Amino acid sequence: HYASKDAAGIDISAGISENIIIRKNTYSLIPSGFRIEIPEGFEGQVRPRSGLALKNGLTVLNSPGTIDSDYRGEVKVLVINFGKADFIIMPGMRIAQLIISPVIKANIQFVDKLETQSSRGGKGFGSTGIKAK
């Protein structure tokens, strides 16, 4: 369900029958207990819950995790504990959120040379600096 009227994310709860302990600096795949049928042309994005991240260091390891429209298995959440202590996931605990988003498919073409150049070129990580402009 959506936790509030204007919430963008649908809460995902732990579909477990007993507690799971996530030791600090480890990760675990947590079942949700539900499957979903996402329409063609859309995807599901599994994202962390900000409160768990801020207060406990618990986040989604492959954030955002993608659920493709042709996937029909149980939704599971890969969580990691970056916190200072072990974390207990209890049955029904809200552990992540799901965003349904449209997908635009690219028209992929392999070429030997790119058609246009840019002022940035191939400069990558950190090349634009960190100072305010």
Protein backbone atom coordinates (compact mmCIF):
# COMPACT_ATOMS: atom_id res chain seq x y z
CA HIS A 1 0.00 0.00 0.00
CA TYR A 2 0.93 3.65 -0.26
CA ALA A 3 1.66 5.03 3.23
CA SER A 4 0.17 8.45 2.43
CA LYS A 5 -2.00 10.08 -0.20
CA ASP A 6 0.94 11.63 -2.08
CA ALA A 7 3.51 8.85 -1.53
CA ALA A 8 5.37 7.89 -4.71
CA GLY A 9 6.44 4.49 -3.42
CA ILE A 10 4.39 1.44 -2.48
CA ASP A 11 5.69 -0.02 0.78
CA ILE A 12 7.18 -3.51 0.56
CA SER A 13 6.93 -5.51 3.77
CA ALA A 14 8.98 -8.51 4.85
CA GLY A 15 6.94 -11.60 3.99
CA ILE A 16 8.58 -13.77 6.62
CA SER A 17 7.26 -15.82 9.54
CA GLU A 18 10.16 -15.24 11.92
CA ASN A 19 12.83 -12.62 12.54
CA ILE A 20 15.88 -12.40 10.29
CA ILE A 21 19.06 -10.88 11.70
CA ILE A 22 21.17 -8.88 9.26
CA ARG A 23 24.63 -8.68 10.79
CA LYS A 24 26.47 -5.39 10.29
CA ASN A 25 28.32 -5.24 6.97
CA THR A 26 26.39 -8.22 5.57
CA TYR A 27 23.43 -8.56 3.25
CA SER A 28 20.46 -10.86 2.83
CA LEU A 29 17.68 -11.52 0.33
CA ILE A 30 14.34 -10.90 2.04
CA PRO A 31 11.12 -12.33 0.58
CA SER A 32 8.07 -10.08 0.33
CA GLY A 33 5.41 -12.77 0.15
CA PHE A 34 3.84 -11.37 -3.04
CA ARG A 35 4.19 -11.50 -6.81
CA ILE A 36 3.30 -8.69 -9.18
CA GLU A 37 2.31 -8.40 -12.83
CA ILE A 38 3.74 -5.19 -14.21
CA PRO A 39 2.30 -4.06 -17.57
CA GLU A 40 4.53 -4.14 -20.64
CA GLY A 41 6.26 -0.77 -21.08
CA PHE A 42 6.75 -0.34 -17.31
CA GLU A 43 9.16 -1.55 -14.66
CA GLY A 44 9.21 -1.77 -10.90
CA GLN A 45 12.06 -0.04 -9.05
CA VAL A 46 12.83 -1.37 -5.57
CA ARG A 47 14.29 1.43 -3.48
CA PRO A 48 15.40 1.91 0.12
CA ARG A 49 13.23 3.47 2.79
CA SER A 50 14.91 6.68 3.91
CA GLY A 51 14.13 6.21 7.61
CA LEU A 52 15.78 2.78 7.75
CA ALA A 53 18.81 4.14 5.91
CA LEU A 54 19.19 7.19 8.15
CA LYS A 55 18.48 5.59 11.52
CA ASN A 56 19.93 2.11 10.99
CA GLY A 57 22.18 2.10 7.90
CA LEU A 58 19.89 -0.43 6.20
CA THR A 59 19.54 0.02 2.45
CA VAL A 60 18.86 -1.85 -0.79
CA LEU A 61 22.17 -3.20 -2.09
CA ASN A 62 21.35 -3.06 -5.81
CA SER A 63 19.43 0.19 -5.54
CA PRO A 64 17.31 0.62 -7.43
CA GLY A 65 16.57 -3.02 -8.05
CA THR A 66 14.61 -3.56 -11.25
CA ILE A 67 11.56 -5.77 -11.66
CA ASP A 68 11.01 -6.36 -15.38
CA SER A 69 7.47 -6.54 -16.76
CA ASP A 70 7.93 -10.21 -17.74
CA TYR A 71 9.03 -11.34 -14.23
CA ARG A 72 6.40 -13.40 -12.42
CA GLY A 73 8.28 -14.69 -9.39
CA GLU A 74 8.11 -13.49 -5.81
CA VAL A 75 9.40 -9.98 -5.20
CA LYS A 76 12.48 -10.12 -2.98
CA VAL A 77 14.56 -7.30 -1.55
CA LEU A 78 18.36 -7.47 -1.33
CA VAL A 79 19.13 -5.49 1.82
CA ILE A 80 22.52 -4.61 3.28
CA ASN A 81 23.30 -3.42 6.76
CA PHE A 82 25.85 -0.59 6.71
CA GLY A 83 24.87 0.30 10.28
CA LYS A 84 26.94 0.11 13.45
CA ALA A 85 24.96 -2.82 14.88
CA ASP A 86 23.12 -5.92 13.77
CA PHE A 87 19.57 -5.24 12.54
CA ILE A 88 16.52 -7.42 13.07
CA ILE A 89 13.93 -7.63 10.31
CA MET A 90 10.60 -8.68 11.80
CA PRO A 91 7.62 -10.22 9.98
CA GLY A 92 5.57 -7.52 8.26
CA MET A 93 8.22 -4.80 8.73
CA ARG A 94 8.26 -2.29 5.88
CA ILE A 95 11.74 -2.75 4.40
CA ALA A 96 11.69 -1.05 0.98
CA GLN A 97 9.46 0.77 -1.47
CA LEU A 98 8.35 0.03 -5.00
CA ILE A 99 8.04 2.65 -7.73
CA ILE A 100 6.28 1.78 -10.99
CA SER A 101 7.88 3.71 -13.87
CA PRO A 102 7.54 3.82 -17.66
CA VAL A 103 10.37 2.34 -19.69
CA ILE A 104 11.61 3.84 -22.94
CA LYS A 105 13.45 1.33 -25.09
CA ALA A 106 16.53 2.59 -26.90
CA ASN A 107 17.12 1.96 -30.58
CA ILE A 108 20.57 0.42 -30.21
CA GLN A 109 22.96 0.78 -33.13
CA PHE A 110 26.57 -0.34 -33.13
CA VAL A 111 28.90 2.06 -34.95
CA ASP A 112 32.63 2.46 -35.42
CA LYS A 113 32.55 6.20 -34.68
CA LEU A 114 30.14 8.49 -32.84
CA GLU A 115 28.38 11.07 -34.98
CA THR A 116 28.91 14.07 -32.71
CA GLN A 117 31.58 15.27 -30.32
CA SER A 118 31.15 17.23 -27.10
CA SER A 119 33.31 19.66 -25.15
CA ARG A 120 33.59 17.09 -22.36
CA GLY A 121 34.62 14.24 -24.63
CA GLY A 122 35.73 11.13 -22.76
CA LYS A 123 36.52 12.89 -19.48
CA GLY A 124 34.73 10.96 -16.77
CA PHE A 125 34.68 10.56 -13.01
CA GLY A 126 35.38 13.87 -11.27
CA SER A 127 36.28 15.70 -14.47
CA THR A 128 33.82 18.54 -13.83
CA GLY A 129 35.14 19.19 -10.30
CA ILE A 130 33.29 19.69 -7.03
CA LYS A 131 33.34 23.45 -6.53
CA ALA A 132 30.10 25.41 -6.69
CA LYS A 133 29.73 27.29 -9.92
